[in-house]
Amino acid sequence: MPGSALPAVQLAVTVALAAWMTTGFTRLPGRWMRWKMFCRATFTIVSLTGTKNGRTEPVNVYAHLSPGSFLLGPPQLQAVISYLTSNGRYDRIDGDGRVLSATGEKPLEVTNSRVVL
């Protein structure tokens, strides 16, 4: 291969690879983060309010996860809410949010300490 053709081939391969990687992050209809790393992940974005003796305060469920954990699906969210109400920290927890997964985005509600999709 001539010396002048090598940089042109390298540039073409680099541009093709960058384009392929960039399109991996684009949205398809009904999809969220279609990149294969995220295809089985489920993210919950939620805003919660805890009530204890008539007083309300915001609840940060991520403060009750193990260090380094950031993926919170509906079953894990229900487990944290059940823990917070069973140990007496709150009488009830309410809120709303969204569940993001490879199948799309769905609304989520927390009513009377129960996660409802």
N, C-alpha and C. Protein backbone atom coordinates (compact mmCIF):
# COMPACT_ATOMS: atom_id res chain seq x y z
N MET A 1 0.85 -1.18 0.00
CA MET A 1 0.00 0.00 0.00
C MET A 1 0.90 1.24 0.00
N PRO A 2 0.65 2.17 -0.90
CA PRO A 2 1.46 3.38 -0.95
C PRO A 2 1.36 4.17 0.35
N GLY A 3 2.41 4.88 0.69
CA GLY A 3 2.46 5.64 1.94
C GLY A 3 1.40 6.71 2.04
N SER A 4 0.99 7.30 0.92
CA SER A 4 -0.01 8.37 0.97
C SER A 4 -1.43 7.82 1.16
N ALA A 5 -1.65 6.55 0.84
CA ALA A 5 -2.98 5.96 0.99
C ALA A 5 -3.28 5.56 2.43
N LEU A 6 -2.25 5.29 3.22
CA LEU A 6 -2.44 4.85 4.60
C LEU A 6 -3.16 5.91 5.45
N PRO A 7 -2.74 7.19 5.44
CA PRO A 7 -3.50 8.18 6.23
C PRO A 7 -4.95 8.33 5.77
N ALA A 8 -5.21 8.20 4.50
CA ALA A 8 -6.58 8.30 4.00
C ALA A 8 -7.43 7.14 4.49
N VAL A 9 -6.87 5.95 4.52
CA VAL A 9 -7.59 4.78 5.02
C VAL A 9 -7.83 4.92 6.53
N GLN A 10 -6.81 5.35 7.25
CA GLN A 10 -6.97 5.56 8.69
C GLN A 10 -8.05 6.59 8.99
N LEU A 11 -8.06 7.68 8.23
CA LEU A 11 -9.08 8.71 8.42
C LEU A 11 -10.47 8.17 8.12
N ALA A 12 -10.61 7.41 7.05
CA ALA A 12 -11.91 6.84 6.70
C ALA A 12 -12.40 5.87 7.76
N VAL A 13 -11.52 5.03 8.27
CA VAL A 13 -11.90 4.08 9.32
C VAL A 13 -12.27 4.81 10.60
N THR A 14 -11.52 5.85 10.94
CA THR A 14 -11.80 6.63 12.15
C THR A 14 -13.16 7.32 12.05
N VAL A 15 -13.45 7.93 10.90
CA VAL A 15 -14.74 8.60 10.71
C VAL A 15 -15.88 7.59 10.75
N ALA A 16 -15.71 6.43 10.12
CA ALA A 16 -16.75 5.40 10.14
C ALA A 16 -17.00 4.89 11.54
N LEU A 17 -15.93 4.67 12.31
CA LEU A 17 -16.07 4.20 13.69
C LEU A 17 -16.75 5.25 14.56
N ALA A 18 -16.36 6.51 14.42
CA ALA A 18 -16.98 7.59 15.21
C ALA A 18 -18.46 7.72 14.85
N ALA A 19 -18.82 7.61 13.57
CA ALA A 19 -20.23 7.69 13.17
C ALA A 19 -21.02 6.53 13.73
N TRP A 20 -20.45 5.34 13.70
CA TRP A 20 -21.14 4.16 14.24
C TRP A 20 -21.36 4.30 15.74
N MET A 21 -20.35 4.79 16.46
CA MET A 21 -20.49 4.96 17.91
C MET A 21 -21.50 6.06 18.24
N THR A 22 -21.53 7.13 17.46
CA THR A 22 -22.46 8.22 17.70
C THR A 22 -23.90 7.79 17.47
N THR A 23 -24.15 7.02 16.41
CA THR A 23 -25.52 6.58 16.14
C THR A 23 -26.00 5.57 17.17
N GLY A 24 -25.10 4.96 17.92
CA GLY A 24 -25.49 4.02 18.97
C GLY A 24 -26.20 4.72 20.12
N PHE A 25 -26.02 6.04 20.25
CA PHE A 25 -26.67 6.79 21.31
C PHE A 25 -27.93 7.51 20.84
N THR A 26 -28.30 7.37 19.59
CA THR A 26 -29.50 8.05 19.10
C THR A 26 -30.75 7.31 19.56
N ARG A 27 -31.84 8.00 19.56
CA ARG A 27 -33.10 7.43 20.03
C ARG A 27 -33.87 6.79 18.89
N LEU A 28 -34.40 5.66 19.15
CA LEU A 28 -35.36 5.04 18.26
C LEU A 28 -36.74 5.29 18.84
N PRO A 29 -37.80 5.25 18.05
CA PRO A 29 -39.14 5.45 18.61
C PRO A 29 -39.42 4.44 19.72
N GLY A 30 -39.77 4.95 20.91
CA GLY A 30 -40.08 4.08 22.03
C GLY A 30 -38.88 3.52 22.74
N ARG A 31 -37.71 4.00 22.43
CA ARG A 31 -36.48 3.49 23.05
C ARG A 31 -35.79 4.60 23.81
N TRP A 32 -35.03 4.22 24.82
CA TRP A 32 -34.24 5.16 25.59
C TRP A 32 -32.85 4.57 25.72
N MET A 33 -31.86 5.28 25.30
CA MET A 33 -30.47 4.83 25.37
C MET A 33 -30.32 3.44 24.77
N ARG A 34 -30.39 3.34 23.48
CA ARG A 34 -30.38 2.03 22.83
C ARG A 34 -29.01 1.37 22.82
N TRP A 35 -27.99 2.02 23.33
CA TRP A 35 -26.65 1.42 23.38
C TRP A 35 -26.73 0.13 24.18
N LYS A 36 -26.04 -0.90 23.73
CA LYS A 36 -26.18 -2.22 24.33
C LYS A 36 -25.84 -2.26 25.82
N MET A 37 -24.99 -1.37 26.27
CA MET A 37 -24.66 -1.35 27.69
C MET A 37 -25.89 -1.06 28.55
N PHE A 38 -26.83 -0.28 28.00
CA PHE A 38 -28.00 0.13 28.76
C PHE A 38 -29.24 -0.70 28.44
N CYS A 39 -29.15 -1.70 27.57
CA CYS A 39 -30.35 -2.37 27.07
C CYS A 39 -31.11 -3.12 28.16
N ARG A 40 -30.47 -3.53 29.23
CA ARG A 40 -31.18 -4.25 30.29
C ARG A 40 -31.28 -3.46 31.58
N ALA A 41 -30.78 -2.24 31.58
CA ALA A 41 -30.81 -1.42 32.77
C ALA A 41 -32.18 -0.77 32.92
N THR A 42 -32.59 -0.57 34.16
CA THR A 42 -33.84 0.13 34.46
C THR A 42 -33.51 1.23 35.46
N PHE A 43 -33.83 2.44 35.09
CA PHE A 43 -33.57 3.60 35.93
C PHE A 43 -34.89 4.14 36.45
N THR A 44 -34.91 4.54 37.69
CA THR A 44 -36.10 5.16 38.27
C THR A 44 -35.73 6.58 38.69
N ILE A 45 -36.45 7.53 38.17
CA ILE A 45 -36.29 8.92 38.58
C ILE A 45 -37.55 9.27 39.35
N VAL A 46 -37.39 9.56 40.63
CA VAL A 46 -38.57 9.72 41.47
C VAL A 46 -38.37 10.86 42.47
N SER A 47 -39.45 11.53 42.78
CA SER A 47 -39.47 12.57 43.79
C SER A 47 -40.44 12.12 44.89
N LEU A 48 -39.93 11.92 46.10
CA LEU A 48 -40.74 11.37 47.18
C LEU A 48 -40.85 12.33 48.35
N THR A 49 -41.96 12.23 49.05
CA THR A 49 -42.20 12.99 50.27
C THR A 49 -42.62 12.03 51.37
N GLY A 50 -41.92 12.07 52.48
CA GLY A 50 -42.26 11.23 53.62
C GLY A 50 -43.06 12.00 54.66
N THR A 51 -44.03 11.33 55.26
CA THR A 51 -44.87 11.96 56.28
C THR A 51 -44.68 11.22 57.60
N LYS A 52 -44.40 11.97 58.66
CA LYS A 52 -44.27 11.41 60.00
C LYS A 52 -44.93 12.38 60.97
N ASN A 53 -45.98 11.90 61.65
CA ASN A 53 -46.72 12.72 62.63
C ASN A 53 -47.22 14.02 62.01
N GLY A 54 -47.70 13.97 60.77
CA GLY A 54 -48.25 15.14 60.12
C GLY A 54 -47.22 16.06 59.48
N ARG A 55 -45.95 15.83 59.70
CA ARG A 55 -44.89 16.64 59.10
C ARG A 55 -44.36 15.95 57.85
N THR A 56 -44.10 16.73 56.83
CA THR A 56 -43.58 16.15 55.59
C THR A 56 -42.16 16.64 55.34
N GLU A 57 -41.39 15.78 54.67
CA GLU A 57 -40.03 16.14 54.27
C GLU A 57 -39.66 15.33 53.04
N PRO A 58 -38.75 15.84 52.21
CA PRO A 58 -38.33 15.09 51.03
C PRO A 58 -37.55 13.84 51.44
N VAL A 59 -37.69 12.79 50.65
CA VAL A 59 -37.01 11.52 50.92
C VAL A 59 -36.01 11.25 49.80
N ASN A 60 -34.77 11.00 50.16
CA ASN A 60 -33.73 10.64 49.20
C ASN A 60 -33.48 9.13 49.33
N VAL A 61 -34.07 8.35 48.42
CA VAL A 61 -33.93 6.89 48.51
C VAL A 61 -32.51 6.45 48.20
N TYR A 62 -31.76 7.24 47.43
CA TYR A 62 -30.40 6.85 47.08
C TYR A 62 -29.48 6.87 48.30
N ALA A 63 -29.83 7.62 49.32
CA ALA A 63 -29.03 7.64 50.55
C ALA A 63 -29.11 6.31 51.29
N HIS A 64 -30.08 5.47 50.96
CA HIS A 64 -30.26 4.20 51.64
C HIS A 64 -29.79 3.01 50.81
N LEU A 65 -29.15 3.27 49.67
CA LEU A 65 -28.60 2.19 48.85
C LEU A 65 -27.14 1.96 49.24
N SER A 66 -26.62 0.82 48.87
CA SER A 66 -25.21 0.54 49.15
C SER A 66 -24.33 1.48 48.33
N PRO A 67 -23.14 1.80 48.82
CA PRO A 67 -22.26 2.72 48.09
C PRO A 67 -21.98 2.22 46.68
N GLY A 68 -22.05 3.12 45.73
CA GLY A 68 -21.80 2.79 44.34
C GLY A 68 -23.04 2.37 43.57
N SER A 69 -24.14 2.15 44.26
CA SER A 69 -25.38 1.76 43.58
C SER A 69 -26.08 3.01 43.05
N PHE A 70 -26.53 2.94 41.83
CA PHE A 70 -27.28 4.06 41.27
C PHE A 70 -28.46 3.59 40.44
N LEU A 71 -28.51 2.31 40.10
CA LEU A 71 -29.65 1.78 39.35
C LEU A 71 -30.72 1.36 40.35
N LEU A 72 -31.86 1.94 40.21
CA LEU A 72 -32.95 1.68 41.15
C LEU A 72 -34.19 1.37 40.34
N GLY A 73 -34.56 0.10 40.28
CA GLY A 73 -35.77 -0.32 39.60
C GLY A 73 -36.95 -0.29 40.55
N PRO A 74 -38.17 -0.49 40.06
CA PRO A 74 -39.35 -0.47 40.92
C PRO A 74 -39.28 -1.46 42.09
N PRO A 75 -38.79 -2.72 41.93
CA PRO A 75 -38.73 -3.61 43.10
C PRO A 75 -37.77 -3.10 44.17
N GLN A 76 -36.64 -2.54 43.76
CA GLN A 76 -35.69 -2.01 44.73
C GLN A 76 -36.24 -0.76 45.41
N LEU A 77 -36.96 0.06 44.64
CA LEU A 77 -37.60 1.24 45.23
C LEU A 77 -38.62 0.83 46.28
N GLN A 78 -39.43 -0.20 45.98
CA GLN A 78 -40.41 -0.68 46.95
C GLN A 78 -39.73 -1.22 48.19
N ALA A 79 -38.59 -1.89 48.03
CA ALA A 79 -37.87 -2.42 49.19
C ALA A 79 -37.37 -1.30 50.09
N VAL A 80 -36.83 -0.23 49.51
CA VAL A 80 -36.35 0.89 50.32
C VAL A 80 -37.52 1.58 51.01
N ILE A 81 -38.63 1.78 50.30
CA ILE A 81 -39.81 2.41 50.90
C ILE A 81 -40.35 1.56 52.03
N SER A 82 -40.43 0.26 51.84
CA SER A 82 -40.90 -0.64 52.90
C SER A 82 -39.99 -0.58 54.12
N TYR A 83 -38.70 -0.52 53.88
CA TYR A 83 -37.75 -0.42 54.99
C TYR A 83 -37.97 0.88 55.78
N LEU A 84 -38.13 1.99 55.06
CA LEU A 84 -38.29 3.28 55.73
C LEU A 84 -39.59 3.39 56.51
N THR A 85 -40.64 2.71 56.05
CA THR A 85 -41.90 2.76 56.80
C THR A 85 -41.95 1.70 57.90
N SER A 86 -41.31 0.56 57.70
CA SER A 86 -41.37 -0.49 58.72
C SER A 86 -40.52 -0.16 59.94
N ASN A 87 -39.43 0.60 59.76
CA ASN A 87 -38.61 0.94 60.93
C ASN A 87 -39.11 2.18 61.66
N GLY A 88 -40.22 2.76 61.18
CA GLY A 88 -40.85 3.88 61.89
C GLY A 88 -40.32 5.24 61.51
N ARG A 89 -39.45 5.32 60.54
CA ARG A 89 -38.93 6.63 60.15
C ARG A 89 -40.03 7.50 59.54
N TYR A 90 -40.92 6.88 58.75
CA TYR A 90 -42.05 7.59 58.15
C TYR A 90 -43.31 6.77 58.34
N ASP A 91 -44.45 7.49 58.46
CA ASP A 91 -45.74 6.81 58.52
C ASP A 91 -46.17 6.39 57.11
N ARG A 92 -45.89 7.25 56.14
CA ARG A 92 -46.21 6.95 54.74
C ARG A 92 -45.29 7.74 53.84
N ILE A 93 -45.13 7.25 52.62
CA ILE A 93 -44.31 7.92 51.61
C ILE A 93 -45.13 8.02 50.33
N ASP A 94 -45.14 9.20 49.74
CA ASP A 94 -45.87 9.44 48.50
C ASP A 94 -44.95 10.16 47.51
N GLY A 95 -45.27 10.04 46.23
CA GLY A 95 -44.49 10.75 45.22
C GLY A 95 -44.81 10.26 43.83
N ASP A 96 -44.05 10.76 42.89
CA ASP A 96 -44.22 10.34 41.50
C ASP A 96 -42.88 10.43 40.78
N GLY A 97 -42.86 9.84 39.58
CA GLY A 97 -41.63 9.84 38.80
C GLY A 97 -41.79 9.08 37.51
N ARG A 98 -40.66 8.59 36.99
CA ARG A 98 -40.65 7.85 35.73
C ARG A 98 -39.73 6.66 35.85
N VAL A 99 -40.03 5.64 35.07
CA VAL A 99 -39.17 4.46 34.95
C VAL A 99 -38.66 4.46 33.52
N LEU A 100 -37.34 4.45 33.36
CA LEU A 100 -36.71 4.45 32.05
C LEU A 100 -36.05 3.11 31.81
N SER A 101 -36.35 2.50 30.68
CA SER A 101 -35.74 1.21 30.33
C SER A 101 -35.63 1.12 28.83
N ALA A 102 -35.14 0.01 28.34
CA ALA A 102 -34.99 -0.19 26.90
C ALA A 102 -36.33 -0.21 26.19
N THR A 103 -37.41 -0.50 26.90
CA THR A 103 -38.74 -0.53 26.26
C THR A 103 -39.40 0.84 26.26
N GLY A 104 -38.77 1.83 26.85
CA GLY A 104 -39.32 3.18 26.83
C GLY A 104 -39.47 3.76 28.21
N GLU A 105 -40.27 4.79 28.30
CA GLU A 105 -40.49 5.52 29.54
C GLU A 105 -41.91 5.30 30.02
N LYS A 106 -42.06 5.04 31.31
CA LYS A 106 -43.39 4.82 31.89
C LYS A 106 -43.54 5.68 33.14
N PRO A 107 -44.74 6.17 33.39
CA PRO A 107 -44.96 6.92 34.63
C PRO A 107 -44.97 5.98 35.85
N LEU A 108 -44.59 6.52 36.98
CA LEU A 108 -44.55 5.76 38.23
C LEU A 108 -45.15 6.63 39.33
N GLU A 109 -45.95 6.04 40.18
CA GLU A 109 -46.50 6.75 41.33
C GLU A 109 -46.22 5.96 42.59
N VAL A 110 -46.00 6.67 43.67
CA VAL A 110 -45.90 6.05 44.98
C VAL A 110 -47.05 6.62 45.79
N THR A 111 -47.98 5.75 46.12
CA THR A 111 -49.18 6.15 46.86
C THR A 111 -49.29 5.32 48.12
N ASN A 112 -49.32 5.99 49.26
CA ASN A 112 -49.45 5.31 50.54
C ASN A 112 -48.39 4.22 50.69
N SER A 113 -47.15 4.57 50.35
CA SER A 113 -45.97 3.70 50.48
C SER A 113 -45.99 2.49 49.54
N ARG A 114 -46.73 2.53 48.47
CA ARG A 114 -46.78 1.45 47.49
C ARG A 114 -46.40 2.00 46.11
N VAL A 115 -45.50 1.30 45.42
CA VAL A 115 -45.09 1.69 44.07
C VAL A 115 -46.12 1.18 43.10
N VAL A 116 -46.66 2.08 42.27
CA VAL A 116 -47.67 1.74 41.28
C VAL A 116 -47.17 2.17 39.91
N LEU A 117 -47.09 1.23 39.00
CA LEU A 117 -46.67 1.55 37.62
C LEU A 117 -47.87 1.86 36.76
